[in-house]
Amino acid sequence: MLNNQELLNSKMVKELLHIKGDATLWRYLKEDKLPQPTFNISRNTRLWDKNELLAHLTAKSQENTQGVSYERLSV
């Protein structure tokens, strides 16, 4: 399972998303802007599958795009 999987720790996720603080990362998780970590190694170590993370972000982006265009059409 892990052979083709690129795993990202929280620091790498923050760099990918261009966010600085841990609080922002955890708020994004709480708001479902990010998927939950694929692996919880310990209280302080969590890992995300890069492909799963990117797929989640793409889906959220498409949802937001569709919602915005729908609102514009209905006005």
PDB file of N, CA and C in Angstrom:
ATOM      1  N   MET A   1       0.811  -1.204   0.000  1.00  0.00           N
ATOM      2  CA  MET A   1       0.000   0.000   0.000  1.00  0.00           C
ATOM      3  C   MET A   1       0.854   1.267   0.000  1.00  0.00           C
ATOM      4  N   LEU A   2       1.946   1.278   0.709  1.00  0.00           N
ATOM      5  CA  LEU A   2       2.770   2.473   0.814  1.00  0.00           C
ATOM      6  C   LEU A   2       3.777   2.630  -0.322  1.00  0.00           C
ATOM      7  N   ASN A   3       3.876   1.651  -1.212  1.00  0.00           N
ATOM      8  CA  ASN A   3       4.884   1.703  -2.256  1.00  0.00           C
ATOM      9  C   ASN A   3       4.749   2.923  -3.156  1.00  0.00           C
ATOM     10  N   ASN A   4       3.551   3.231  -3.622  1.00  0.00           N
ATOM     11  CA  ASN A   4       3.335   4.345  -4.533  1.00  0.00           C
ATOM     12  C   ASN A   4       2.767   5.570  -3.829  1.00  0.00           C
ATOM     13  N   GLN A   5       2.815   5.565  -2.529  1.00  0.00           N
ATOM     14  CA  GLN A   5       2.193   6.615  -1.746  1.00  0.00           C
ATOM     15  C   GLN A   5       3.247   7.609  -1.276  1.00  0.00           C
ATOM     16  N   GLU A   6       3.031   8.876  -1.600  1.00  0.00           N
ATOM     17  CA  GLU A   6       3.910   9.910  -1.073  1.00  0.00           C
ATOM     18  C   GLU A   6       3.212  10.516   0.142  1.00  0.00           C
ATOM     19  N   LEU A   7       3.873  10.447   1.284  1.00  0.00           N
ATOM     20  CA  LEU A   7       3.280  10.921   2.528  1.00  0.00           C
ATOM     21  C   LEU A   7       3.842  12.289   2.890  1.00  0.00           C
ATOM     22  N   LEU A   8       2.963  13.142   3.395  1.00  0.00           N
ATOM     23  CA  LEU A   8       3.345  14.490   3.800  1.00  0.00           C
ATOM     24  C   LEU A   8       3.078  14.664   5.281  1.00  0.00           C
ATOM     25  N   ASN A   9       4.042  15.228   5.999  1.00  0.00           N
ATOM     26  CA  ASN A   9       3.796  15.553   7.403  1.00  0.00           C
ATOM     27  C   ASN A   9       3.158  16.938   7.469  1.00  0.00           C
ATOM     28  N   SER A  10       2.809  17.398   8.655  1.00  0.00           N
ATOM     29  CA  SER A  10       2.094  18.669   8.778  1.00  0.00           C
ATOM     30  C   SER A  10       2.925  19.842   8.262  1.00  0.00           C
ATOM     31  N   LYS A  11       4.220  19.811   8.449  1.00  0.00           N
ATOM     32  CA  LYS A  11       5.083  20.887   7.942  1.00  0.00           C
ATOM     33  C   LYS A  11       5.015  20.936   6.415  1.00  0.00           C
ATOM     34  N   MET A  12       5.058  19.788   5.777  1.00  0.00           N
ATOM     35  CA  MET A  12       5.002  19.726   4.318  1.00  0.00           C
ATOM     36  C   MET A  12       3.632  20.180   3.797  1.00  0.00           C
ATOM     37  N   VAL A  13       2.563  19.823   4.514  1.00  0.00           N
ATOM     38  CA  VAL A  13       1.216  20.248   4.118  1.00  0.00           C
ATOM     39  C   VAL A  13       1.120  21.771   4.213  1.00  0.00           C
ATOM     40  N   LYS A  14       1.645  22.340   5.290  1.00  0.00           N
ATOM     41  CA  LYS A  14       1.613  23.796   5.443  1.00  0.00           C
ATOM     42  C   LYS A  14       2.401  24.480   4.319  1.00  0.00           C
ATOM     43  N   GLU A  15       3.548  23.920   3.945  1.00  0.00           N
ATOM     44  CA  GLU A  15       4.327  24.490   2.851  1.00  0.00           C
ATOM     45  C   GLU A  15       3.563  24.400   1.533  1.00  0.00           C
ATOM     46  N   LEU A  16       2.922  23.271   1.296  1.00  0.00           N
ATOM     47  CA  LEU A  16       2.146  23.068   0.068  1.00  0.00           C
ATOM     48  C   LEU A  16       1.011  24.085  -0.035  1.00  0.00           C
ATOM     49  N   LEU A  17       0.366  24.379   1.098  1.00  0.00           N
ATOM     50  CA  LEU A  17      -0.782  25.280   1.122  1.00  0.00           C
ATOM     51  C   LEU A  17      -0.408  26.738   1.379  1.00  0.00           C
ATOM     52  N   HIS A  18       0.882  26.990   1.600  1.00  0.00           N
ATOM     53  CA  HIS A  18       1.380  28.341   1.880  1.00  0.00           C
ATOM     54  C   HIS A  18       0.730  28.931   3.130  1.00  0.00           C
ATOM     55  N   ILE A  19       0.643  28.120   4.168  1.00  0.00           N
ATOM     56  CA  ILE A  19       0.175  28.620   5.458  1.00  0.00           C
ATOM     57  C   ILE A  19       1.302  28.467   6.464  1.00  0.00           C
ATOM     58  N   LYS A  20       1.319  29.340   7.453  1.00  0.00           N
ATOM     59  CA  LYS A  20       2.437  29.375   8.386  1.00  0.00           C
ATOM     60  C   LYS A  20       2.162  28.672   9.702  1.00  0.00           C
ATOM     61  N   GLY A  21       0.980  28.853  10.236  1.00  0.00           N
ATOM     62  CA  GLY A  21       0.730  28.392  11.595  1.00  0.00           C
ATOM     63  C   GLY A  21       0.036  27.055  11.694  1.00  0.00           C
ATOM     64  N   ASP A  22       0.347  26.350  12.775  1.00  0.00           N
ATOM     65  CA  ASP A  22      -0.334  25.088  13.066  1.00  0.00           C
ATOM     66  C   ASP A  22      -1.823  25.311  13.301  1.00  0.00           C
ATOM     67  N   ALA A  23      -2.163  26.437  13.942  1.00  0.00           N
ATOM     68  CA  ALA A  23      -3.562  26.713  14.240  1.00  0.00           C
ATOM     69  C   ALA A  23      -4.397  26.786  12.960  1.00  0.00           C
ATOM     70  N   THR A  24      -3.832  27.366  11.911  1.00  0.00           N
ATOM     71  CA  THR A  24      -4.540  27.456  10.634  1.00  0.00           C
ATOM     72  C   THR A  24      -4.756  26.068  10.050  1.00  0.00           C
ATOM     73  N   LEU A  25      -3.737  25.244  10.110  1.00  0.00           N
ATOM     74  CA  LEU A  25      -3.851  23.874   9.603  1.00  0.00           C
ATOM     75  C   LEU A  25      -4.962  23.125  10.326  1.00  0.00           C
ATOM     76  N   TRP A  26      -5.001  23.201  11.638  1.00  0.00           N
ATOM     77  CA  TRP A  26      -6.006  22.469  12.412  1.00  0.00           C
ATOM     78  C   TRP A  26      -7.397  23.067  12.224  1.00  0.00           C
ATOM     79  N   ARG A  27      -7.469  24.381  12.014  1.00  0.00           N
ATOM     80  CA  ARG A  27      -8.769  24.995  11.724  1.00  0.00           C
ATOM     81  C   ARG A  27      -9.296  24.504  10.371  1.00  0.00           C
ATOM     82  N   TYR A  28      -8.422  24.399   9.381  1.00  0.00           N
ATOM     83  CA  TYR A  28      -8.818  23.877   8.067  1.00  0.00           C
ATOM     84  C   TYR A  28      -9.330  22.441   8.186  1.00  0.00           C
ATOM     85  N   LEU A  29      -8.702  21.650   9.050  1.00  0.00           N
ATOM     86  CA  LEU A  29      -9.168  20.280   9.279  1.00  0.00           C
ATOM     87  C   LEU A  29     -10.559  20.293   9.902  1.00  0.00           C
ATOM     88  N   LYS A  30     -10.751  21.137  10.892  1.00  0.00           N
ATOM     89  CA  LYS A  30     -12.031  21.219  11.588  1.00  0.00           C
ATOM     90  C   LYS A  30     -13.138  21.685  10.645  1.00  0.00           C
ATOM     91  N   GLU A  31     -12.800  22.597   9.722  1.00  0.00           N
ATOM     92  CA  GLU A  31     -13.777  23.141   8.778  1.00  0.00           C
ATOM     93  C   GLU A  31     -13.948  22.271   7.537  1.00  0.00           C
ATOM     94  N   ASP A  32     -13.295  21.116   7.514  1.00  0.00           N
ATOM     95  CA  ASP A  32     -13.351  20.172   6.396  1.00  0.00           C
ATOM     96  C   ASP A  32     -12.778  20.746   5.100  1.00  0.00           C
ATOM     97  N   LYS A  33     -11.879  21.703   5.238  1.00  0.00           N
ATOM     98  CA  LYS A  33     -11.175  22.222   4.060  1.00  0.00           C
ATOM     99  C   LYS A  33     -10.050  21.269   3.670  1.00  0.00           C
ATOM    100  N   LEU A  34      -9.635  20.446   4.624  1.00  0.00           N
ATOM    101  CA  LEU A  34      -8.608  19.431   4.403  1.00  0.00           C
ATOM    102  C   LEU A  34      -9.131  18.088   4.884  1.00  0.00           C
ATOM    103  N   PRO A  35      -8.666  17.002   4.256  1.00  0.00           N
ATOM    104  CA  PRO A  35      -9.060  15.690   4.771  1.00  0.00           C
ATOM    105  C   PRO A  35      -8.313  15.391   6.067  1.00  0.00           C
ATOM    106  N   GLN A  36      -8.860  14.495   6.852  1.00  0.00           N
ATOM    107  CA  GLN A  36      -8.162  14.059   8.054  1.00  0.00           C
ATOM    108  C   GLN A  36      -6.886  13.326   7.638  1.00  0.00           C
ATOM    109  N   PRO A  37      -5.871  13.329   8.492  1.00  0.00           N
ATOM    110  CA  PRO A  37      -4.624  12.635   8.151  1.00  0.00           C
ATOM    111  C   PRO A  37      -4.876  11.155   7.844  1.00  0.00           C
ATOM    112  N   THR A  38      -4.106  10.631   6.920  1.00  0.00           N
ATOM    113  CA  THR A  38      -4.206   9.222   6.553  1.00  0.00           C
ATOM    114  C   THR A  38      -3.700   8.343   7.695  1.00  0.00           C
ATOM    115  N   PHE A  39      -2.626   8.788   8.336  1.00  0.00           N
ATOM    116  CA  PHE A  39      -2.027   8.046   9.446  1.00  0.00           C
ATOM    117  C   PHE A  39      -1.803   8.971  10.625  1.00  0.00           C
ATOM    118  N   ASN A  40      -2.219   8.546  11.795  1.00  0.00           N
ATOM    119  CA  ASN A  40      -1.901   9.237  13.041  1.00  0.00           C
ATOM    120  C   ASN A  40      -0.844   8.403  13.741  1.00  0.00           C
ATOM    121  N   ILE A  41       0.389   8.823  13.587  1.00  0.00           N
ATOM    122  CA  ILE A  41       1.521   8.073  14.143  1.00  0.00           C
ATOM    123  C   ILE A  41       1.603   8.279  15.654  1.00  0.00           C
ATOM    124  N   SER A  42       1.460   9.520  16.071  1.00  0.00           N
ATOM    125  CA  SER A  42       1.457   9.861  17.490  1.00  0.00           C
ATOM    126  C   SER A  42       0.637  11.138  17.642  1.00  0.00           C
ATOM    127  N   ARG A  43       0.578  11.650  18.843  1.00  0.00           N
ATOM    128  CA  ARG A  43      -0.192  12.876  19.081  1.00  0.00           C
ATOM    129  C   ARG A  43       0.338  14.036  18.240  1.00  0.00           C
ATOM    130  N   ASN A  44       1.638  14.056  18.021  1.00  0.00           N
ATOM    131  CA  ASN A  44       2.261  15.163  17.299  1.00  0.00           C
ATOM    132  C   ASN A  44       2.667  14.826  15.871  1.00  0.00           C
ATOM    133  N   THR A  45       2.484  13.601  15.456  1.00  0.00           N
ATOM    134  CA  THR A  45       2.913  13.203  14.117  1.00  0.00           C
ATOM    135  C   THR A  45       1.750  12.618  13.342  1.00  0.00           C
ATOM    136  N   ARG A  46       1.375  13.342  12.310  1.00  0.00           N
ATOM    137  CA  ARG A  46       0.285  12.901  11.439  1.00  0.00           C
ATOM    138  C   ARG A  46       0.777  12.981  10.006  1.00  0.00           C
ATOM    139  N   LEU A  47       0.323  12.050   9.191  1.00  0.00           N
ATOM    140  CA  LEU A  47       0.765  11.988   7.794  1.00  0.00           C
ATOM    141  C   LEU A  47      -0.436  11.943   6.863  1.00  0.00           C
ATOM    142  N   TRP A  48      -0.315  12.663   5.766  1.00  0.00           N
ATOM    143  CA  TRP A  48      -1.344  12.680   4.733  1.00  0.00           C
ATOM    144  C   TRP A  48      -0.797  12.040   3.469  1.00  0.00           C
ATOM    145  N   ASP A  49      -1.652  11.320   2.781  1.00  0.00           N
ATOM    146  CA  ASP A  49      -1.325  10.824   1.448  1.00  0.00           C
ATOM    147  C   ASP A  49      -1.454  12.021   0.516  1.00  0.00           C
ATOM    148  N   LYS A  50      -0.385  12.322  -0.226  1.00  0.00           N
ATOM    149  CA  LYS A  50      -0.374  13.513  -1.079  1.00  0.00           C
ATOM    150  C   LYS A  50      -1.488  13.456  -2.128  1.00  0.00           C
ATOM    151  N   ASN A  51      -1.685  12.301  -2.758  1.00  0.00           N
ATOM    152  CA  ASN A  51      -2.718  12.181  -3.791  1.00  0.00           C
ATOM    153  C   ASN A  51      -4.116  12.381  -3.205  1.00  0.00           C
ATOM    154  N   GLU A  52      -4.353  11.836  -2.025  1.00  0.00           N
ATOM    155  CA  GLU A  52      -5.645  11.991  -1.358  1.00  0.00           C
ATOM    156  C   GLU A  52      -5.888  13.461  -0.988  1.00  0.00           C
ATOM    157  N   LEU A  53      -4.851  14.118  -0.490  1.00  0.00           N
ATOM    158  CA  LEU A  53      -4.948  15.528  -0.129  1.00  0.00           C
ATOM    159  C   LEU A  53      -5.264  16.376  -1.358  1.00  0.00           C
ATOM    160  N   LEU A  54      -4.539  16.152  -2.443  1.00  0.00           N
ATOM    161  CA  LEU A  54      -4.764  16.929  -3.665  1.00  0.00           C
ATOM    162  C   LEU A  54      -6.146  16.661  -4.255  1.00  0.00           C
ATOM    163  N   ALA A  55      -6.598  15.414  -4.185  1.00  0.00           N
ATOM    164  CA  ALA A  55      -7.930  15.079  -4.685  1.00  0.00           C
ATOM    165  C   ALA A  55      -9.003  15.805  -3.865  1.00  0.00           C
ATOM    166  N   HIS A  56      -8.826  15.842  -2.557  1.00  0.00           N
ATOM    167  CA  HIS A  56      -9.777  16.521  -1.678  1.00  0.00           C
ATOM    168  C   HIS A  56      -9.818  18.018  -1.998  1.00  0.00           C
ATOM    169  N   LEU A  57      -8.639  18.619  -2.160  1.00  0.00           N
ATOM    170  CA  LEU A  57      -8.578  20.052  -2.454  1.00  0.00           C
ATOM    171  C   LEU A  57      -9.207  20.358  -3.810  1.00  0.00           C
ATOM    172  N   THR A  58      -8.991  19.490  -4.786  1.00  0.00           N
ATOM    173  CA  THR A  58      -9.585  19.672  -6.110  1.00  0.00           C
ATOM    174  C   THR A  58     -11.104  19.592  -6.031  1.00  0.00           C
ATOM    175  N   ALA A  59     -11.613  18.612  -5.305  1.00  0.00           N
ATOM    176  CA  ALA A  59     -13.062  18.452  -5.152  1.00  0.00           C
ATOM    177  C   ALA A  59     -13.666  19.668  -4.453  1.00  0.00           C
ATOM    178  N   LYS A  60     -13.011  20.150  -3.394  1.00  0.00           N
ATOM    179  CA  LYS A  60     -13.513  21.321  -2.678  1.00  0.00           C
ATOM    180  C   LYS A  60     -13.498  22.547  -3.575  1.00  0.00           C
ATOM    181  N   SER A  61     -12.459  22.677  -4.372  1.00  0.00           N
ATOM    182  CA  SER A  61     -12.351  23.801  -5.291  1.00  0.00           C
ATOM    183  C   SER A  61     -13.480  23.775  -6.317  1.00  0.00           C
ATOM    184  N   GLN A  62     -13.785  22.594  -6.837  1.00  0.00           N
ATOM    185  CA  GLN A  62     -14.861  22.464  -7.807  1.00  0.00           C
ATOM    186  C   GLN A  62     -16.213  22.744  -7.167  1.00  0.00           C
ATOM    187  N   GLU A  63     -16.415  22.316  -5.934  1.00  0.00           N
ATOM    188  CA  GLU A  63     -17.659  22.610  -5.221  1.00  0.00           C
ATOM    189  C   GLU A  63     -17.838  24.110  -5.076  1.00  0.00           C
ATOM    190  N   ASN A  64     -16.764  24.781  -4.670  1.00  0.00           N
ATOM    191  CA  ASN A  64     -16.835  26.234  -4.482  1.00  0.00           C
ATOM    192  C   ASN A  64     -17.089  26.943  -5.804  1.00  0.00           C
ATOM    193  N   THR A  65     -16.460  26.490  -6.859  1.00  0.00           N
ATOM    194  CA  THR A  65     -16.645  27.096  -8.173  1.00  0.00           C
ATOM    195  C   THR A  65     -18.083  26.918  -8.640  1.00  0.00           C
ATOM    196  N   GLN A  66     -18.624  25.724  -8.458  1.00  0.00           N
ATOM    197  CA  GLN A  66     -19.996  25.464  -8.874  1.00  0.00           C
ATOM    198  C   GLN A  66     -20.970  26.289  -8.044  1.00  0.00           C
ATOM    199  N   GLY A  67     -20.708  26.413  -6.753  1.00  0.00           N
ATOM    200  CA  GLY A  67     -21.583  27.197  -5.892  1.00  0.00           C
ATOM    201  C   GLY A  67     -21.594  28.663  -6.277  1.00  0.00           C
ATOM    202  N   VAL A  68     -20.421  29.206  -6.583  1.00  0.00           N
ATOM    203  CA  VAL A  68     -20.330  30.613  -6.955  1.00  0.00           C
ATOM    204  C   VAL A  68     -21.054  30.842  -8.280  1.00  0.00           C
ATOM    205  N   SER A  69     -20.840  29.986  -9.264  1.00  0.00           N
ATOM    206  CA  SER A  69     -21.484  30.194 -10.548  1.00  0.00           C
ATOM    207  C   SER A  69     -22.996  30.034 -10.426  1.00  0.00           C
ATOM    208  N   TYR A  70     -23.470  29.120  -9.577  1.00  0.00           N
ATOM    209  CA  TYR A  70     -24.897  28.940  -9.378  1.00  0.00           C
ATOM    210  C   TYR A  70     -25.502  30.196  -8.764  1.00  0.00           C
ATOM    211  N   GLU A  71     -24.819  30.769  -7.753  1.00  0.00           N
ATOM    212  CA  GLU A  71     -25.326  31.970  -7.130  1.00  0.00           C
ATOM    213  C   GLU A  71     -25.410  33.111  -8.130  1.00  0.00           C
ATOM    214  N   ARG A  72     -24.441  33.202  -8.989  1.00  0.00           N
ATOM    215  CA  ARG A  72     -24.461  34.269  -9.990  1.00  0.00           C
ATOM    216  C   ARG A  72     -25.592  34.074 -10.976  1.00  0.00           C
ATOM    217  N   LEU A  73     -25.890  32.836 -11.314  1.00  0.00           N
ATOM    218  CA  LEU A  73     -26.975  32.574 -12.259  1.00  0.00           C
ATOM    219  C   LEU A  73     -28.333  32.891 -11.661  1.00  0.00           C
ATOM    220  N   SER A  74     -28.488  32.673 -10.355  1.00  0.00           N
ATOM    221  CA  SER A  74     -29.794  32.855  -9.734  1.00  0.00           C
ATOM    222  C   SER A  74     -30.085  34.314  -9.394  1.00  0.00           C
ATOM    223  N   VAL A  75     -29.087  35.165  -9.449  1.00  0.00           N
ATOM    224  CA  VAL A  75     -29.308  36.579  -9.067  1.00  0.00           C
ATOM    225  C   VAL A  75     -29.849  37.375 -10.217  1.00  0.00           C
TER     226      VAL A  75
END
